[in-house]
């Protein structure tokens, strides 16, 4: 029997992480985040964009996702950085100290629906923000994580990027815990490469860069 949607999303997310101890810790954080949304009467999936154009919002907070309510000032958050395009906040249930989220200020439910200019603005802040976070946490490494889509473990359907500071004994996942096989140089791989390149060629004209955004004083 297929488990209910929240449990299924959590199971998918946990399947990507090892060892078991880290999965348990991650599960607690994600479950608490989803529970907090439910308790606040907020939707973890549809948002303001459900009834309006993507990137637009409703005047009241009842129909917004948790991130849209934070952007609107209707929910509290520890803000680290803000400009006209994006906001960086501390994760409410961090995996490690300094675990932060970069979110666009307009609502887009997935990476695919987020305009390339917005993604460019967000990603351009990664070196700046991650350097500050690493210095503050005295870490010299971090993970950048995006859960895009239900099967990838996305719980809040508002595009966001995780910055997760890492230390040697943080008990989170490592690349050695994954079962990985060498890439085979066969016809199937060649067909996959050709297919991706063809799609990229046909859609390249839809992508562009963004002009630099102006930081705001918090």
Protein backbone atom coordinates (compact mmCIF):
# COMPACT_ATOMS: atom_id res chain seq x y z
CA UNK A 1 0.00 0.00 0.00
CA UNK A 2 1.32 3.45 -0.94
CA UNK A 3 1.98 5.60 2.15
CA UNK A 4 0.26 9.01 2.53
CA UNK A 5 1.86 11.88 0.62
CA UNK A 6 3.83 13.47 3.52
CA UNK A 7 5.30 10.12 4.60
CA UNK A 8 6.08 9.22 0.98
CA UNK A 9 7.89 12.54 0.40
CA UNK A 10 9.89 12.04 3.57
CA UNK A 11 10.80 8.47 2.60
CA UNK A 12 12.01 9.64 -0.82
CA UNK A 13 14.12 12.37 0.76
CA UNK A 14 15.67 10.04 3.32
CA UNK A 15 16.56 7.51 0.63
CA UNK A 16 19.18 9.94 -0.68
CA UNK A 17 21.14 10.24 2.56
CA UNK A 18 23.48 7.98 4.56
CA UNK A 19 24.46 6.76 7.14
CA UNK A 20 21.22 5.85 9.01
CA UNK A 21 22.03 8.24 11.86
CA UNK A 22 22.11 11.18 9.49
CA UNK A 23 18.88 10.07 7.85
CA UNK A 24 17.15 10.00 11.22
CA UNK A 25 18.39 13.50 11.96
CA UNK A 26 17.32 14.77 8.56
CA UNK A 27 13.93 13.11 8.88
CA UNK A 28 13.26 14.88 12.17
CA UNK A 29 14.08 18.23 10.61
CA UNK A 30 11.93 17.74 7.52
CA UNK A 31 9.02 16.26 9.45
CA UNK A 32 9.09 19.13 11.93
CA UNK A 33 9.17 21.64 9.07
CA UNK A 34 6.13 20.06 7.43
CA UNK A 35 4.34 19.82 10.78
CA UNK A 36 5.04 23.49 11.47
CA UNK A 37 3.51 24.43 8.12
CA UNK A 38 0.40 22.37 8.82
CA UNK A 39 0.06 23.86 12.28
CA UNK A 40 0.22 27.37 10.89
CA UNK A 41 -2.53 26.63 8.37
CA UNK A 42 -0.11 26.99 5.47
CA UNK A 43 0.11 24.89 2.36
CA UNK A 44 3.26 22.90 1.64
CA UNK A 45 2.39 22.53 -2.02
CA UNK A 46 0.15 25.15 -3.65
CA UNK A 47 0.83 28.81 -2.99
CA UNK A 48 -0.21 32.21 -4.19
CA UNK A 49 0.80 31.15 -7.69
CA UNK A 50 -1.91 28.50 -7.62
CA UNK A 51 -4.61 31.11 -8.25
CA UNK A 52 -2.54 33.77 -9.98
CA UNK A 53 0.39 34.12 -12.30
CA UNK A 54 3.67 32.66 -11.08
CA UNK A 55 5.66 35.28 -9.27
CA UNK A 56 2.58 37.13 -8.05
CA UNK A 57 1.14 36.89 -4.53
CA UNK A 58 -2.13 37.20 -2.66
CA UNK A 59 -2.71 40.14 -0.33
CA UNK A 60 -3.44 37.91 2.67
CA UNK A 61 -1.18 35.25 4.17
CA UNK A 62 -3.80 32.49 4.35
CA UNK A 63 -3.10 31.19 0.85
CA UNK A 64 0.66 31.63 0.85
CA UNK A 65 3.36 29.02 1.47
CA UNK A 66 5.65 29.45 4.46
CA UNK A 67 8.37 31.17 2.42
CA UNK A 68 5.95 33.67 0.87
CA UNK A 69 4.73 34.54 4.36
CA UNK A 70 8.32 35.10 5.51
CA UNK A 71 8.99 37.34 2.50
CA UNK A 72 5.79 39.28 3.25
CA UNK A 73 6.80 39.70 6.89
CA UNK A 74 3.87 37.63 8.19
CA UNK A 75 6.15 34.96 9.68
CA UNK A 76 9.41 35.54 11.59
CA UNK A 77 12.80 34.37 10.35
CA UNK A 78 16.48 35.07 11.00
CA UNK A 79 17.42 37.11 7.92
CA UNK A 80 21.05 37.01 6.80
CA UNK A 81 20.80 38.87 3.49
CA UNK A 82 18.14 40.51 1.37
CA UNK A 83 18.00 42.29 -1.97
CA UNK A 84 15.28 43.03 -4.51
CA UNK A 85 15.31 39.47 -5.89
CA UNK A 86 16.15 37.07 -3.07
CA UNK A 87 16.29 36.51 0.67
CA UNK A 88 18.71 34.37 2.69
CA UNK A 89 17.52 33.04 6.06
CA UNK A 90 18.58 30.47 8.62
CA UNK A 91 16.78 27.15 8.23
CA UNK A 92 14.22 26.77 11.03
CA UNK A 93 15.34 23.16 11.61
CA UNK A 94 19.04 23.17 10.65
CA UNK A 95 21.04 20.05 9.85
CA UNK A 96 24.17 21.87 11.04
CA UNK A 97 24.89 25.27 12.60
CA UNK A 98 24.54 27.92 9.91
CA UNK A 99 22.29 25.82 7.64
CA UNK A 100 20.72 28.52 5.48
CA UNK A 101 18.21 28.90 2.65
CA UNK A 102 18.30 31.23 -0.33
CA UNK A 103 14.79 31.85 -1.65
CA UNK A 104 13.41 34.06 -4.42
CA UNK A 105 11.07 36.73 -3.10
CA UNK A 106 8.47 35.85 -5.75
CA UNK A 107 6.78 32.47 -5.66
CA UNK A 108 7.90 29.81 -8.13
CA UNK A 109 7.08 26.18 -7.21
CA UNK A 110 10.05 24.57 -8.98
CA UNK A 111 13.35 25.26 -10.70
CA UNK A 112 11.68 24.78 -14.09
CA UNK A 113 9.13 27.52 -13.41
CA UNK A 114 11.70 29.96 -12.00
CA UNK A 115 12.88 32.49 -14.62
CA UNK A 116 16.56 32.10 -15.59
CA UNK A 117 17.17 35.72 -14.57
CA UNK A 118 15.93 34.98 -11.05
CA UNK A 119 18.01 31.80 -10.81
CA UNK A 120 21.06 33.71 -12.01
CA UNK A 121 20.54 36.37 -9.35
CA UNK A 122 20.20 33.75 -6.62
CA UNK A 123 23.18 31.67 -7.71
CA UNK A 124 25.36 34.76 -8.07
CA UNK A 125 25.03 35.24 -4.30
CA UNK A 126 26.23 31.72 -3.43
CA UNK A 127 29.99 32.54 -3.20
CA UNK A 128 29.32 35.70 -1.17
CA UNK A 129 26.86 34.08 1.26
CA UNK A 130 28.63 30.74 1.64
CA UNK A 131 31.96 32.43 2.39
CA UNK A 132 30.38 34.46 5.19
CA UNK A 133 28.54 31.45 6.59
CA UNK A 134 31.68 29.29 6.57
CA UNK A 135 33.70 31.99 8.35
CA UNK A 136 31.00 32.45 10.99
CA UNK A 137 30.70 28.69 11.61
CA UNK A 138 34.46 28.07 11.31
CA UNK A 139 33.87 25.47 8.60
CA UNK A 140 35.89 25.07 5.43
CA UNK A 141 33.33 23.05 3.46
CA UNK A 142 29.63 23.13 2.65
CA UNK A 143 26.97 21.42 0.57
CA UNK A 144 24.66 23.19 -1.85
CA UNK A 145 21.41 21.25 -2.02
CA UNK A 146 18.28 21.64 -4.12
CA UNK A 147 15.32 19.28 -3.71
CA UNK A 148 13.38 19.88 -6.93
CA UNK A 149 10.13 17.95 -7.24
CA UNK A 150 8.27 15.50 -5.04
CA UNK A 151 10.38 12.48 -6.00
CA UNK A 152 13.52 14.43 -5.09
CA UNK A 153 12.16 15.12 -1.61
CA UNK A 154 10.85 18.66 -2.10
CA UNK A 155 8.47 19.50 0.77
CA UNK A 156 7.90 23.25 0.40
CA UNK A 157 7.03 24.00 -3.21
CA UNK A 158 8.74 27.37 -3.43
CA UNK A 159 12.16 27.28 -5.10
CA UNK A 160 14.96 27.38 -2.55
CA UNK A 161 18.64 26.48 -2.24
CA UNK A 162 20.20 25.00 0.90
CA UNK A 163 23.67 26.03 2.08
CA UNK A 164 24.78 23.43 4.64
CA UNK A 165 28.12 24.01 6.42
CA UNK A 166 30.05 20.78 6.94
CA UNK A 167 32.57 19.58 9.50
CA UNK A 168 34.44 16.30 9.82
CA UNK A 169 32.26 14.74 12.52
CA UNK A 170 28.83 16.18 11.70
CA UNK A 171 27.33 12.71 11.04
CA UNK A 172 25.73 13.80 7.78
CA UNK A 173 26.13 12.07 4.44
CA UNK A 174 29.38 11.72 2.52
CA UNK A 175 30.13 10.74 -1.07
CA UNK A 176 31.65 7.46 0.10
CA UNK A 177 28.26 6.29 1.36
CA UNK A 178 26.71 6.25 -2.11
CA UNK A 179 26.77 3.19 -4.34
CA UNK A 180 28.11 4.50 -7.66
CA UNK A 181 28.94 2.65 -10.86
CA UNK A 182 31.35 3.80 -13.59
CA UNK A 183 29.74 5.42 -16.62
CA UNK A 184 29.51 2.97 -19.50
CA UNK A 185 30.55 4.13 -22.97
CA UNK A 186 27.81 2.31 -24.84
CA UNK A 187 25.04 3.20 -27.28
CA UNK A 188 22.57 3.91 -24.49
CA UNK A 189 24.88 6.55 -23.02
CA UNK A 190 25.52 8.04 -26.47
CA UNK A 191 21.77 8.25 -27.12
CA UNK A 192 21.27 10.00 -23.78
CA UNK A 193 24.00 12.55 -24.56
CA UNK A 194 22.56 13.22 -28.03
CA UNK A 195 19.06 13.65 -26.59
CA UNK A 196 20.18 16.14 -23.93
CA UNK A 197 22.25 18.14 -26.44
CA UNK A 198 19.33 18.32 -28.85
CA UNK A 199 16.99 19.60 -26.12
CA UNK A 200 19.60 22.13 -24.98
CA UNK A 201 20.09 23.39 -28.51
CA UNK A 202 16.36 23.92 -29.06
CA UNK A 203 15.79 25.70 -25.72
CA UNK A 204 18.99 27.79 -25.42
CA UNK A 205 17.27 30.91 -26.76
CA UNK A 206 14.91 30.92 -23.76
CA UNK A 207 17.74 31.56 -21.29
CA UNK A 208 19.47 34.83 -20.45
CA UNK A 209 21.47 36.49 -17.68
CA UNK A 210 20.28 38.88 -14.99
CA UNK A 211 21.46 42.36 -14.13
CA UNK A 212 23.11 42.64 -10.69
CA UNK A 213 20.65 43.12 -7.83
CA UNK A 214 21.02 45.85 -5.22
CA UNK A 215 21.48 44.74 -1.57
CA UNK A 216 19.05 46.14 0.99
CA UNK A 217 19.91 47.10 4.53
CA UNK A 218 18.24 44.72 7.02
